[in-house]
Amino acid sequence: MKQTLAFVGTLIALTLCPAVADARNIVITNDDGLTSNVVALYKALKAEGHDVIVSVPCDNQSGMGAAIKIGQPLAPLRKACRAGAAPVGAPGAGAMARPGIPAADFHYVDGTPVMAMLYGVDVLGQQRWGKVPDLVLSGPNEGQNVGAAILGSGTVSAAQMAAVKGLSAIALSAGMRTVDDNALANPDSAKVAALSAELVARLDRLSGGGRILPEGLALNVNFPDVLEGAKWQASRIGTYQAYDIRFVADMARDPSPMMKAMTGQYGKDLPHLPGLSFGMNSAEPAPGQKEDESVVYRHAIAVSPMQAGYEPKALDGYVHWLVDRFDAGK
């Protein structure tokens, strides 16, 4: 890529000044299902006056990427959805049934993340607005999506597919500690939601009432585990690998430290079977990788531009667009 993103040497702190956004039509989707993060984001956006539809998978679909099921009708549920979103026997897609969740706005799909996004845009959005939404927000995910891992991310893929359809789309990812299936009220979820709503407000104000993002551009936003004092920084997806994902012949014999911790957490041993091992990359980034989102997200809120789809395009124009709008002096 020519010039390898021109702003790499001058990261810009994103100072989000208070801004009141116009009311927008927004679809929230994700790859995790009904989560504390989704509920908090919905509440934050509704408080800003936006009209919001939530359309998420019935169950956790992390790692499904851009998978879709073409020509396969969705049968009634054979198992209940995550966090009580829908019971066994409910339709394959529909309004959520969990008490306290507004069924008119919250919907599930027994399918992949991209399918859930499409249901929100093609069916629910058309029914309510008679047109496509102004913005698709995918997430906030339970766990960051940075570097090459985004290729398999359902969170990022849902945003990418929305961008390919010509919509403004942002992928949002937070830390793993935002999980709360019982009360759906993790305190960190509320913090991430407030920051996400601020981002939407600033982008909307800068748009002058037009498109929130230029056509062909999507954003990948990653929040650090420690949110207090975190600044916004423009970043690039880059080449540094935050995660160490590899196929092993024996998961019990060659587990990563993270896999060991997960087995203790869930109270079961790893089997002596082949599979994917998952862990964190302990190697230090090379000098040219210091501005990669896989590095930036450790201490700041990383905002990276993404090209929609695979058509070759120069990203430099998008990078300049991003830096211009998030220059701390503006």
C-alpha atoms as a PDB file:
ATOM      1  CA  MET A   1       0.000   0.000   0.000  1.00  0.00           C
ATOM      2  CA  LYS A   2       1.523   3.286  -1.122  1.00  0.00           C
ATOM      3  CA  GLN A   3       3.011   5.330   1.739  1.00  0.00           C
ATOM      4  CA  THR A   4       1.647   2.773   4.218  1.00  0.00           C
ATOM      5  CA  LEU A   5      -0.893   5.184   5.667  1.00  0.00           C
ATOM      6  CA  ALA A   6       0.634   8.634   5.582  1.00  0.00           C
ATOM      7  CA  PHE A   7      -0.202   9.669   9.124  1.00  0.00           C
ATOM      8  CA  VAL A   8       1.643   6.824  10.904  1.00  0.00           C
ATOM      9  CA  GLY A   9       4.344   9.123  12.324  1.00  0.00           C
ATOM     10  CA  THR A  10       1.853  11.593  13.781  1.00  0.00           C
ATOM     11  CA  LEU A  11      -0.903   9.852  15.723  1.00  0.00           C
ATOM     12  CA  ILE A  12      -3.704  12.210  16.593  1.00  0.00           C
ATOM     13  CA  ALA A  13      -5.421  12.191  19.976  1.00  0.00           C
ATOM     14  CA  LEU A  14      -9.181  12.172  19.380  1.00  0.00           C
ATOM     15  CA  THR A  15     -10.658  14.851  21.623  1.00  0.00           C
ATOM     16  CA  LEU A  16     -14.388  14.291  21.653  1.00  0.00           C
ATOM     17  CA  CYS A  17     -15.905  17.616  22.619  1.00  0.00           C
ATOM     18  CA  PRO A  18     -19.558  17.554  23.690  1.00  0.00           C
ATOM     19  CA  ALA A  19     -21.803  17.471  20.656  1.00  0.00           C
ATOM     20  CA  VAL A  20     -25.513  16.981  20.211  1.00  0.00           C
ATOM     21  CA  ALA A  21     -26.236  14.693  17.275  1.00  0.00           C
ATOM     22  CA  ASP A  22     -29.251  14.867  15.020  1.00  0.00           C
ATOM     23  CA  ALA A  23     -31.690  12.012  15.446  1.00  0.00           C
ATOM     24  CA  ARG A  24     -30.490   9.142  13.258  1.00  0.00           C
ATOM     25  CA  ASN A  25     -31.839   5.732  12.313  1.00  0.00           C
ATOM     26  CA  ILE A  26     -29.363   3.168  13.616  1.00  0.00           C
ATOM     27  CA  VAL A  27     -29.110  -0.623  13.449  1.00  0.00           C
ATOM     28  CA  ILE A  28     -27.034  -2.322  16.158  1.00  0.00           C
ATOM     29  CA  THR A  29     -25.751  -5.804  15.445  1.00  0.00           C
ATOM     30  CA  ASN A  30     -22.935  -8.016  16.768  1.00  0.00           C
ATOM     31  CA  ASP A  31     -21.614 -11.576  16.779  1.00  0.00           C
ATOM     32  CA  ASP A  32     -22.246 -12.339  20.468  1.00  0.00           C
ATOM     33  CA  GLY A  33     -26.029 -12.243  20.796  1.00  0.00           C
ATOM     34  CA  LEU A  34     -27.881 -10.429  23.591  1.00  0.00           C
ATOM     35  CA  THR A  35     -25.179  -8.886  25.772  1.00  0.00           C
ATOM     36  CA  SER A  36     -24.622  -6.234  28.397  1.00  0.00           C
ATOM     37  CA  ASN A  37     -22.680  -4.248  25.782  1.00  0.00           C
ATOM     38  CA  VAL A  38     -25.570  -4.192  23.298  1.00  0.00           C
ATOM     39  CA  VAL A  39     -28.118  -3.180  25.944  1.00  0.00           C
ATOM     40  CA  ALA A  40     -25.873  -0.368  27.194  1.00  0.00           C
ATOM     41  CA  LEU A  41     -25.217   0.948  23.670  1.00  0.00           C
ATOM     42  CA  TYR A  42     -28.942   0.874  22.884  1.00  0.00           C
ATOM     43  CA  LYS A  43     -29.721   2.891  26.015  1.00  0.00           C
ATOM     44  CA  ALA A  44     -26.959   5.425  25.325  1.00  0.00           C
ATOM     45  CA  LEU A  45     -28.113   6.024  21.747  1.00  0.00           C
ATOM     46  CA  LYS A  46     -31.790   6.233  22.713  1.00  0.00           C
ATOM     47  CA  ALA A  47     -30.872   8.841  25.329  1.00  0.00           C
ATOM     48  CA  GLU A  48     -29.387  10.910  22.483  1.00  0.00           C
ATOM     49  CA  GLY A  49     -32.706  10.758  20.619  1.00  0.00           C
ATOM     50  CA  HIS A  50     -31.782   8.174  17.958  1.00  0.00           C
ATOM     51  CA  ASP A  51     -34.226   5.565  16.653  1.00  0.00           C
ATOM     52  CA  VAL A  52     -32.494   2.238  17.240  1.00  0.00           C
ATOM     53  CA  ILE A  53     -33.123  -1.329  16.097  1.00  0.00           C
ATOM     54  CA  VAL A  54     -31.095  -4.178  17.614  1.00  0.00           C
ATOM     55  CA  SER A  55     -30.654  -7.292  15.453  1.00  0.00           C
ATOM     56  CA  VAL A  56     -28.191  -9.859  16.784  1.00  0.00           C
ATOM     57  CA  PRO A  57     -27.531 -13.603  16.497  1.00  0.00           C
ATOM     58  CA  CYS A  58     -29.509 -15.935  18.749  1.00  0.00           C
ATOM     59  CA  ASP A  59     -26.280 -17.301  20.230  1.00  0.00           C
ATOM     60  CA  ASN A  60     -22.582 -16.476  20.303  1.00  0.00           C
ATOM     61  CA  GLN A  61     -21.220 -16.572  16.749  1.00  0.00           C
ATOM     62  CA  SER A  62     -17.697 -15.289  17.408  1.00  0.00           C
ATOM     63  CA  GLY A  63     -15.203 -16.272  14.744  1.00  0.00           C
ATOM     64  CA  MET A  64     -17.836 -16.862  12.074  1.00  0.00           C
ATOM     65  CA  GLY A  65     -16.517 -13.970   9.991  1.00  0.00           C
ATOM     66  CA  ALA A  66     -18.606 -13.265   6.905  1.00  0.00           C
ATOM     67  CA  ALA A  67     -20.325 -16.673   6.890  1.00  0.00           C
ATOM     68  CA  ILE A  68     -23.908 -16.822   5.603  1.00  0.00           C
ATOM     69  CA  LYS A  69     -26.484 -19.552   5.031  1.00  0.00           C
ATOM     70  CA  ILE A  70     -27.978 -19.050   1.589  1.00  0.00           C
ATOM     71  CA  GLY A  71     -31.326 -20.607   0.746  1.00  0.00           C
ATOM     72  CA  GLN A  72     -31.718 -22.267   4.151  1.00  0.00           C
ATOM     73  CA  PRO A  73     -34.998 -21.316   5.851  1.00  0.00           C
ATOM     74  CA  LEU A  74     -34.664 -20.665   9.575  1.00  0.00           C
ATOM     75  CA  ALA A  75     -36.643 -23.301  11.464  1.00  0.00           C
ATOM     76  CA  PRO A  76     -38.032 -22.807  14.998  1.00  0.00           C
ATOM     77  CA  LEU A  77     -35.360 -22.746  17.688  1.00  0.00           C
ATOM     78  CA  ARG A  78     -34.113 -26.091  18.973  1.00  0.00           C
ATOM     79  CA  LYS A  79     -32.352 -24.421  21.890  1.00  0.00           C
ATOM     80  CA  ALA A  80     -32.899 -21.194  23.759  1.00  0.00           C
ATOM     81  CA  CYS A  81     -31.004 -18.083  22.726  1.00  0.00           C
ATOM     82  CA  ARG A  82     -28.270 -16.561  24.849  1.00  0.00           C
ATOM     83  CA  ALA A  83     -29.318 -14.606  27.945  1.00  0.00           C
ATOM     84  CA  GLY A  84     -32.957 -15.613  27.571  1.00  0.00           C
ATOM     85  CA  ALA A  85     -33.460 -13.665  24.352  1.00  0.00           C
ATOM     86  CA  ALA A  86     -35.852 -16.321  22.998  1.00  0.00           C
ATOM     87  CA  PRO A  87     -37.052 -19.766  24.161  1.00  0.00           C
ATOM     88  CA  VAL A  88     -37.017 -23.160  22.476  1.00  0.00           C
ATOM     89  CA  GLY A  89     -39.709 -23.324  19.795  1.00  0.00           C
ATOM     90  CA  ALA A  90     -39.637 -19.605  19.000  1.00  0.00           C
ATOM     91  CA  PRO A  91     -39.348 -18.613  15.311  1.00  0.00           C
ATOM     92  CA  GLY A  92     -35.917 -18.655  13.693  1.00  0.00           C
ATOM     93  CA  ALA A  93     -35.941 -14.853  13.682  1.00  0.00           C
ATOM     94  CA  GLY A  94     -38.109 -12.469  15.627  1.00  0.00           C
ATOM     95  CA  ALA A  95     -38.597 -10.161  18.585  1.00  0.00           C
ATOM     96  CA  MET A  96     -36.822 -10.989  21.842  1.00  0.00           C
ATOM     97  CA  ALA A  97     -38.817 -12.391  24.745  1.00  0.00           C
ATOM     98  CA  ARG A  98     -36.601 -11.588  27.741  1.00  0.00           C
ATOM     99  CA  PRO A  99     -38.502  -9.539  30.360  1.00  0.00           C
ATOM    100  CA  GLY A 100     -37.334  -5.945  30.544  1.00  0.00           C
ATOM    101  CA  ILE A 101     -36.047  -5.932  26.960  1.00  0.00           C
ATOM    102  CA  PRO A 102     -38.188  -3.792  24.587  1.00  0.00           C
ATOM    103  CA  ALA A 103     -39.381  -6.370  22.075  1.00  0.00           C
ATOM    104  CA  ALA A 104     -40.249  -3.721  19.495  1.00  0.00           C
ATOM    105  CA  ASP A 105     -36.580  -2.765  19.247  1.00  0.00           C
ATOM    106  CA  PHE A 106     -34.675  -5.969  20.124  1.00  0.00           C
ATOM    107  CA  HIS A 107     -34.580  -8.870  17.664  1.00  0.00           C
ATOM    108  CA  TYR A 108     -32.643 -12.111  17.220  1.00  0.00           C
ATOM    109  CA  VAL A 109     -31.697 -14.297  14.253  1.00  0.00           C
ATOM    110  CA  ASP A 110     -30.750 -17.976  14.452  1.00  0.00           C
ATOM    111  CA  GLY A 111     -27.911 -17.370  12.036  1.00  0.00           C
ATOM    112  CA  THR A 112     -24.561 -15.725  11.524  1.00  0.00           C
ATOM    113  CA  PRO A 113     -23.568 -12.141  12.372  1.00  0.00           C
ATOM    114  CA  VAL A 114     -23.888 -10.998   8.754  1.00  0.00           C
ATOM    115  CA  MET A 115     -27.355 -12.556   8.579  1.00  0.00           C
ATOM    116  CA  ALA A 116     -28.375 -10.719  11.750  1.00  0.00           C
ATOM    117  CA  MET A 117     -27.147  -7.433  10.274  1.00  0.00           C
ATOM    118  CA  LEU A 118     -29.031  -8.069   7.034  1.00  0.00           C
ATOM    119  CA  TYR A 119     -32.220  -8.886   8.940  1.00  0.00           C
ATOM    120  CA  GLY A 120     -31.940  -5.558  10.743  1.00  0.00           C
ATOM    121  CA  VAL A 121     -31.272  -3.611   7.533  1.00  0.00           C
ATOM    122  CA  ASP A 122     -33.341  -5.447   4.908  1.00  0.00           C
ATOM    123  CA  VAL A 123     -36.386  -6.430   6.969  1.00  0.00           C
ATOM    124  CA  LEU A 124     -36.702  -4.543  10.251  1.00  0.00           C
ATOM    125  CA  GLY A 125     -35.322  -1.246   8.991  1.00  0.00           C
ATOM    126  CA  GLN A 126     -37.497  -1.284   5.898  1.00  0.00           C
ATOM    127  CA  GLN A 127     -40.559  -2.067   7.989  1.00  0.00           C
ATOM    128  CA  ARG A 128     -39.914   0.820  10.363  1.00  0.00           C
ATOM    129  CA  TRP A 129     -38.258   3.479   8.205  1.00  0.00           C
ATOM    130  CA  GLY A 130     -38.975   2.416   4.639  1.00  0.00           C
ATOM    131  CA  LYS A 131     -35.303   2.958   3.836  1.00  0.00           C
ATOM    132  CA  VAL A 132     -31.815   1.913   4.877  1.00  0.00           C
ATOM    133  CA  PRO A 133     -30.436   3.104   8.239  1.00  0.00           C
ATOM    134  CA  ASP A 134     -28.111   6.072   8.577  1.00  0.00           C
ATOM    135  CA  LEU A 135     -25.603   3.954  10.485  1.00  0.00           C
ATOM    136  CA  VAL A 136     -24.818   0.346  11.341  1.00  0.00           C
ATOM    137  CA  LEU A 137     -22.925  -0.263  14.588  1.00  0.00           C
ATOM    138  CA  SER A 138     -21.532  -3.763  15.043  1.00  0.00           C
ATOM    139  CA  GLY A 139     -20.770  -4.490  18.684  1.00  0.00           C
ATOM    140  CA  PRO A 140     -19.424  -3.618  21.123  1.00  0.00           C
ATOM    141  CA  ASN A 141     -17.826  -7.048  20.989  1.00  0.00           C
ATOM    142  CA  GLU A 142     -16.784  -8.920  24.126  1.00  0.00           C
ATOM    143  CA  GLY A 143     -13.064  -8.857  23.358  1.00  0.00           C
ATOM    144  CA  GLN A 144     -10.974  -6.694  21.067  1.00  0.00           C
ATOM    145  CA  ASN A 145     -10.818  -7.311  17.311  1.00  0.00           C
ATOM    146  CA  VAL A 146      -7.415  -6.118  16.196  1.00  0.00           C
ATOM    147  CA  GLY A 147      -4.890  -6.984  13.494  1.00  0.00           C
ATOM    148  CA  ALA A 148      -5.239 -10.094  11.362  1.00  0.00           C
ATOM    149  CA  ALA A 149      -7.847 -11.523  13.770  1.00  0.00           C
ATOM    150  CA  ILE A 150     -10.439  -9.271  12.167  1.00  0.00           C
ATOM    151  CA  LEU A 151     -10.453 -11.560   9.114  1.00  0.00           C
ATOM    152  CA  GLY A 152     -12.440 -14.097  11.141  1.00  0.00           C
ATOM    153  CA  SER A 153     -14.369 -11.594  13.239  1.00  0.00           C
ATOM    154  CA  GLY A 154     -18.136 -11.622  12.904  1.00  0.00           C
ATOM    155  CA  THR A 155     -18.193  -8.162  14.467  1.00  0.00           C
ATOM    156  CA  VAL A 156     -15.949  -6.679  11.793  1.00  0.00           C
ATOM    157  CA  SER A 157     -17.498  -8.715   8.974  1.00  0.00           C
ATOM    158  CA  ALA A 158     -20.983  -7.414   9.770  1.00  0.00           C
ATOM    159  CA  ALA A 159     -19.687  -3.842   9.559  1.00  0.00           C
ATOM    160  CA  GLN A 160     -17.788  -4.645   6.364  1.00  0.00           C
ATOM    161  CA  MET A 161     -20.851  -6.146   4.699  1.00  0.00           C
ATOM    162  CA  ALA A 162     -22.898  -3.097   5.668  1.00  0.00           C
ATOM    163  CA  ALA A 163     -20.214  -0.853   4.159  1.00  0.00           C
ATOM    164  CA  VAL A 164     -20.193  -2.906   0.963  1.00  0.00           C
ATOM    165  CA  LYS A 165     -23.956  -2.297   0.782  1.00  0.00           C
ATOM    166  CA  GLY A 166     -23.159   1.407   0.773  1.00  0.00           C
ATOM    167  CA  LEU A 167     -23.976   2.108   4.436  1.00  0.00           C
ATOM    168  CA  SER A 168     -21.975   3.977   7.061  1.00  0.00           C
ATOM    169  CA  ALA A 169     -20.690   1.271   9.405  1.00  0.00           C
ATOM    170  CA  ILE A 170     -18.489   1.048  12.490  1.00  0.00           C
ATOM    171  CA  ALA A 171     -17.198  -2.068  14.260  1.00  0.00           C
ATOM    172  CA  LEU A 172     -16.859  -1.597  18.037  1.00  0.00           C
ATOM    173  CA  SER A 173     -14.930  -3.945  20.328  1.00  0.00           C
ATOM    174  CA  ALA A 174     -14.343  -3.809  24.070  1.00  0.00           C
ATOM    175  CA  GLY A 175     -12.567  -5.959  26.639  1.00  0.00           C
ATOM    176  CA  MET A 176     -13.610  -9.425  27.759  1.00  0.00           C
ATOM    177  CA  ARG A 177     -14.523  -8.076  31.187  1.00  0.00           C
ATOM    178  CA  THR A 178     -17.727  -6.512  29.851  1.00  0.00           C
ATOM    179  CA  VAL A 179     -19.652  -9.815  30.035  1.00  0.00           C
ATOM    180  CA  ASP A 180     -22.787  -9.957  32.208  1.00  0.00           C
ATOM    181  CA  ASP A 181     -25.475 -12.363  30.986  1.00  0.00           C
ATOM    182  CA  ASN A 182     -27.453 -12.262  34.236  1.00  0.00           C
ATOM    183  CA  ALA A 183     -28.274  -8.593  34.764  1.00  0.00           C
ATOM    184  CA  LEU A 184     -27.028  -7.286  31.389  1.00  0.00           C
ATOM    185  CA  ALA A 185     -25.618  -4.337  33.328  1.00  0.00           C
ATOM    186  CA  ASN A 186     -21.815  -4.534  33.434  1.00  0.00           C
ATOM    187  CA  PRO A 187     -20.455  -1.109  34.529  1.00  0.00           C
ATOM    188  CA  ASP A 188     -17.767  -1.178  31.838  1.00  0.00           C
ATOM    189  CA  SER A 189     -20.464  -1.748  29.220  1.00  0.00           C
ATOM    190  CA  ALA A 190     -22.023   1.577  30.169  1.00  0.00           C
ATOM    191  CA  LYS A 191     -18.645   3.330  29.884  1.00  0.00           C
ATOM    192  CA  VAL A 192     -17.969   1.870  26.440  1.00  0.00           C
ATOM    193  CA  ALA A 193     -21.501   2.754  25.348  1.00  0.00           C
ATOM    194  CA  ALA A 194     -21.114   6.367  26.467  1.00  0.00           C
ATOM    195  CA  LEU A 195     -17.867   6.703  24.522  1.00  0.00           C
ATOM    196  CA  SER A 196     -19.443   5.076  21.473  1.00  0.00           C
ATOM    197  CA  ALA A 197     -22.387   7.481  21.616  1.00  0.00           C
ATOM    198  CA  GLU A 198     -19.936  10.390  21.817  1.00  0.00           C
ATOM    199  CA  LEU A 199     -18.175   9.090  18.726  1.00  0.00           C
ATOM    200  CA  VAL A 200     -21.469   8.902  16.837  1.00  0.00           C
ATOM    201  CA  ALA A 201     -22.364  12.429  17.973  1.00  0.00           C
ATOM    202  CA  ARG A 202     -19.066  13.895  16.803  1.00  0.00           C
ATOM    203  CA  LEU A 203     -19.137  12.122  13.444  1.00  0.00           C
ATOM    204  CA  ASP A 204     -22.719  13.230  12.934  1.00  0.00           C
ATOM    205  CA  ARG A 205     -21.905  16.838  13.776  1.00  0.00           C
ATOM    206  CA  LEU A 206     -18.951  16.820  11.401  1.00  0.00           C
ATOM    207  CA  SER A 207     -21.089  15.315   8.646  1.00  0.00           C
ATOM    208  CA  GLY A 208     -23.271  18.426   8.481  1.00  0.00           C
ATOM    209  CA  GLY A 209     -26.371  16.260   8.274  1.00  0.00           C
ATOM    210  CA  GLY A 210     -25.057  14.166   5.379  1.00  0.00           C
ATOM    211  CA  ARG A 211     -23.509  10.705   5.343  1.00  0.00           C
ATOM    212  CA  ILE A 212     -21.874   9.877   8.641  1.00  0.00           C
ATOM    213  CA  LEU A 213     -18.925   8.243   6.863  1.00  0.00           C
ATOM    214  CA  PRO A 214     -17.743   8.570   3.252  1.00  0.00           C
ATOM    215  CA  GLU A 215     -18.977   5.789   0.990  1.00  0.00           C
ATOM    216  CA  GLY A 216     -16.482   2.922   0.866  1.00  0.00           C
ATOM    217  CA  LEU A 217     -15.069   3.656   4.328  1.00  0.00           C
ATOM    218  CA  ALA A 218     -15.789   1.761   7.543  1.00  0.00           C
ATOM    219  CA  LEU A 219     -14.139   2.143  10.955  1.00  0.00           C
ATOM    220  CA  ASN A 220     -12.730  -0.458  13.332  1.00  0.00           C
ATOM    221  CA  VAL A 221     -12.777   0.885  16.905  1.00  0.00           C
ATOM    222  CA  ASN A 222     -11.142  -0.970  19.797  1.00  0.00           C
ATOM    223  CA  PHE A 223     -11.446   0.045  23.437  1.00  0.00           C
ATOM    224  CA  PRO A 224      -8.671  -0.879  25.905  1.00  0.00           C
ATOM    225  CA  ASP A 225      -9.296  -3.049  28.948  1.00  0.00           C
ATOM    226  CA  VAL A 226      -8.629  -0.049  31.205  1.00  0.00           C
ATOM    227  CA  LEU A 227     -10.978   2.711  30.089  1.00  0.00           C
ATOM    228  CA  GLU A 228     -10.104   5.348  32.679  1.00  0.00           C
ATOM    229  CA  GLY A 229      -7.977   8.063  31.100  1.00  0.00           C
ATOM    230  CA  ALA A 230      -7.877   6.368  27.697  1.00  0.00           C
ATOM    231  CA  LYS A 231      -7.460   8.813  24.813  1.00  0.00           C
ATOM    232  CA  TRP A 232      -8.680   8.406  21.260  1.00  0.00           C
ATOM    233  CA  GLN A 233      -6.000   7.700  18.684  1.00  0.00           C
ATOM    234  CA  ALA A 234      -6.117   7.286  14.935  1.00  0.00           C
ATOM    235  CA  SER A 235      -4.428   3.989  14.091  1.00  0.00           C
ATOM    236  CA  ARG A 236      -3.969   1.502  11.270  1.00  0.00           C
ATOM    237  CA  ILE A 237      -4.832  -2.182  11.169  1.00  0.00           C
ATOM    238  CA  GLY A 238      -1.210  -2.999  10.360  1.00  0.00           C
ATOM    239  CA  THR A 239       0.761  -6.220  10.600  1.00  0.00           C
ATOM    240  CA  TYR A 240       1.387  -6.774  14.317  1.00  0.00           C
ATOM    241  CA  GLN A 241      -0.454  -9.850  15.543  1.00  0.00           C
ATOM    242  CA  ALA A 242      -2.060  -9.325  18.940  1.00  0.00           C
ATOM    243  CA  TYR A 243      -3.215 -12.939  19.111  1.00  0.00           C
ATOM    244  CA  ASP A 244      -1.322 -16.179  18.697  1.00  0.00           C
ATOM    245  CA  ILE A 245      -3.741 -18.504  16.923  1.00  0.00           C
ATOM    246  CA  ARG A 246      -2.418 -21.790  15.633  1.00  0.00           C
ATOM    247  CA  PHE A 247      -3.561 -25.320  14.911  1.00  0.00           C
ATOM    248  CA  VAL A 248      -2.149 -27.975  17.243  1.00  0.00           C
ATOM    249  CA  ALA A 249      -2.258 -31.758  16.959  1.00  0.00           C
ATOM    250  CA  ASP A 250      -3.073 -32.216  20.666  1.00  0.00           C
ATOM    251  CA  MET A 251      -4.841 -29.434  22.550  1.00  0.00           C
ATOM    252  CA  ALA A 252      -4.160 -30.984  25.962  1.00  0.00           C
ATOM    253  CA  ARG A 253      -0.454 -31.464  25.264  1.00  0.00           C
ATOM    254  CA  ASP A 254       0.188 -28.048  23.714  1.00  0.00           C
ATOM    255  CA  PRO A 255      -2.196 -25.569  25.343  1.00  0.00           C
ATOM    256  CA  SER A 256      -1.463 -21.865  25.436  1.00  0.00           C
ATOM    257  CA  PRO A 257      -1.496 -20.123  28.866  1.00  0.00           C
ATOM    258  CA  MET A 258      -4.835 -18.568  27.908  1.00  0.00           C
ATOM    259  CA  MET A 259      -6.314 -21.957  27.017  1.00  0.00           C
ATOM    260  CA  LYS A 260      -5.131 -23.321  30.365  1.00  0.00           C
ATOM    261  CA  ALA A 261      -6.827 -20.439  32.156  1.00  0.00           C
ATOM    262  CA  MET A 262     -10.033 -21.016  30.212  1.00  0.00           C
ATOM    263  CA  THR A 263     -10.143 -24.696  31.167  1.00  0.00           C
ATOM    264  CA  GLY A 264      -9.863 -23.760  34.821  1.00  0.00           C
ATOM    265  CA  GLN A 265     -12.563 -21.144  34.421  1.00  0.00           C
ATOM    266  CA  TYR A 266     -15.012 -23.541  32.838  1.00  0.00           C
ATOM    267  CA  GLY A 267     -14.073 -26.498  34.985  1.00  0.00           C
ATOM    268  CA  LYS A 268     -13.149 -28.955  32.272  1.00  0.00           C
ATOM    269  CA  ASP A 269      -9.921 -30.311  30.846  1.00  0.00           C
ATOM    270  CA  LEU A 270      -8.752 -29.888  27.301  1.00  0.00           C
ATOM    271  CA  PRO A 271      -9.104 -33.076  25.222  1.00  0.00           C
ATOM    272  CA  HIS A 272      -6.222 -34.925  23.584  1.00  0.00           C
ATOM    273  CA  LEU A 273      -7.603 -33.920  20.204  1.00  0.00           C
ATOM    274  CA  PRO A 274      -6.493 -31.572  17.420  1.00  0.00           C
ATOM    275  CA  GLY A 275      -7.845 -28.037  17.317  1.00  0.00           C
ATOM    276  CA  LEU A 276      -7.058 -24.332  17.395  1.00  0.00           C
ATOM    277  CA  SER A 277      -4.974 -22.983  20.243  1.00  0.00           C
ATOM    278  CA  PHE A 278      -5.594 -19.370  21.218  1.00  0.00           C
ATOM    279  CA  GLY A 279      -3.310 -17.046  23.126  1.00  0.00           C
ATOM    280  CA  MET A 280      -1.700 -13.618  23.231  1.00  0.00           C
ATOM    281  CA  ASN A 281       1.396 -12.711  21.252  1.00  0.00           C
ATOM    282  CA  SER A 282       4.253 -12.068  23.696  1.00  0.00           C
ATOM    283  CA  ALA A 283       6.646 -10.707  21.060  1.00  0.00           C
ATOM    284  CA  GLU A 284       7.362  -6.992  21.064  1.00  0.00           C
ATOM    285  CA  PRO A 285       6.187  -5.009  18.033  1.00  0.00           C
ATOM    286  CA  ALA A 286       8.792  -3.955  15.498  1.00  0.00           C
ATOM    287  CA  PRO A 287       9.544  -0.207  15.243  1.00  0.00           C
ATOM    288  CA  GLY A 288       7.291   0.094  12.212  1.00  0.00           C
ATOM    289  CA  GLN A 289       4.361  -1.515  14.043  1.00  0.00           C
ATOM    290  CA  LYS A 290       4.027   0.910  16.966  1.00  0.00           C
ATOM    291  CA  GLU A 291       0.994   2.584  15.386  1.00  0.00           C
ATOM    292  CA  ASP A 292      -0.827  -0.656  14.570  1.00  0.00           C
ATOM    293  CA  GLU A 293      -4.193  -0.958  16.294  1.00  0.00           C
ATOM    294  CA  SER A 294      -2.945  -4.203  17.871  1.00  0.00           C
ATOM    295  CA  VAL A 295      -0.483  -2.047  19.831  1.00  0.00           C
ATOM    296  CA  VAL A 296      -2.475   1.170  20.260  1.00  0.00           C
ATOM    297  CA  TYR A 297      -5.516  -0.524  21.841  1.00  0.00           C
ATOM    298  CA  ARG A 298      -3.416  -1.488  24.871  1.00  0.00           C
ATOM    299  CA  HIS A 299      -3.422   2.088  26.131  1.00  0.00           C
ATOM    300  CA  ALA A 300      -5.803   4.089  23.928  1.00  0.00           C
ATOM    301  CA  ILE A 301      -9.034   3.817  21.974  1.00  0.00           C
ATOM    302  CA  ALA A 302      -7.802   2.762  18.533  1.00  0.00           C
ATOM    303  CA  VAL A 303      -9.763   4.060  15.534  1.00  0.00           C
ATOM    304  CA  SER A 304      -8.702   2.460  12.244  1.00  0.00           C
ATOM    305  CA  PRO A 305     -10.029   3.121   8.745  1.00  0.00           C
ATOM    306  CA  MET A 306     -11.149   0.070   6.773  1.00  0.00           C
ATOM    307  CA  GLN A 307     -11.772  -0.155   3.061  1.00  0.00           C
ATOM    308  CA  ALA A 308     -15.148  -1.657   2.204  1.00  0.00           C
ATOM    309  CA  GLY A 309     -14.631  -4.943   0.364  1.00  0.00           C
ATOM    310  CA  TYR A 310     -11.651  -6.013  -1.702  1.00  0.00           C
ATOM    311  CA  GLU A 311     -11.710  -3.610  -4.633  1.00  0.00           C
ATOM    312  CA  PRO A 312      -8.231  -1.998  -4.795  1.00  0.00           C
ATOM    313  CA  LYS A 313      -8.460   1.579  -3.602  1.00  0.00           C
ATOM    314  CA  ALA A 314      -6.000   4.081  -2.206  1.00  0.00           C
ATOM    315  CA  LEU A 315      -6.616   4.316   1.538  1.00  0.00           C
ATOM    316  CA  ASP A 316      -4.553   7.471   1.943  1.00  0.00           C
ATOM    317  CA  GLY A 317      -7.571   9.649   1.184  1.00  0.00           C
ATOM    318  CA  TYR A 318      -9.544   7.938   3.925  1.00  0.00           C
ATOM    319  CA  VAL A 319      -6.653   8.311   6.326  1.00  0.00           C
ATOM    320  CA  HIS A 320      -6.465  12.046   5.709  1.00  0.00           C
ATOM    321  CA  TRP A 321     -10.242  12.239   6.148  1.00  0.00           C
ATOM    322  CA  LEU A 322      -9.933  10.498   9.523  1.00  0.00           C
ATOM    323  CA  VAL A 323      -7.041  12.619  10.774  1.00  0.00           C
ATOM    324  CA  ASP A 324      -8.697  15.865   9.667  1.00  0.00           C
ATOM    325  CA  ARG A 325     -11.787  15.077  11.676  1.00  0.00           C
ATOM    326  CA  PHE A 326     -10.036  13.837  14.784  1.00  0.00           C
ATOM    327  CA  ASP A 327      -7.292  16.416  15.024  1.00  0.00           C
ATOM    328  CA  ALA A 328      -7.291  17.480  18.666  1.00  0.00           C
ATOM    329  CA  GLY A 329      -7.464  21.111  17.587  1.00  0.00           C
ATOM    330  CA  LYS A 330     -10.765  20.768  15.735  1.00  0.00           C
END
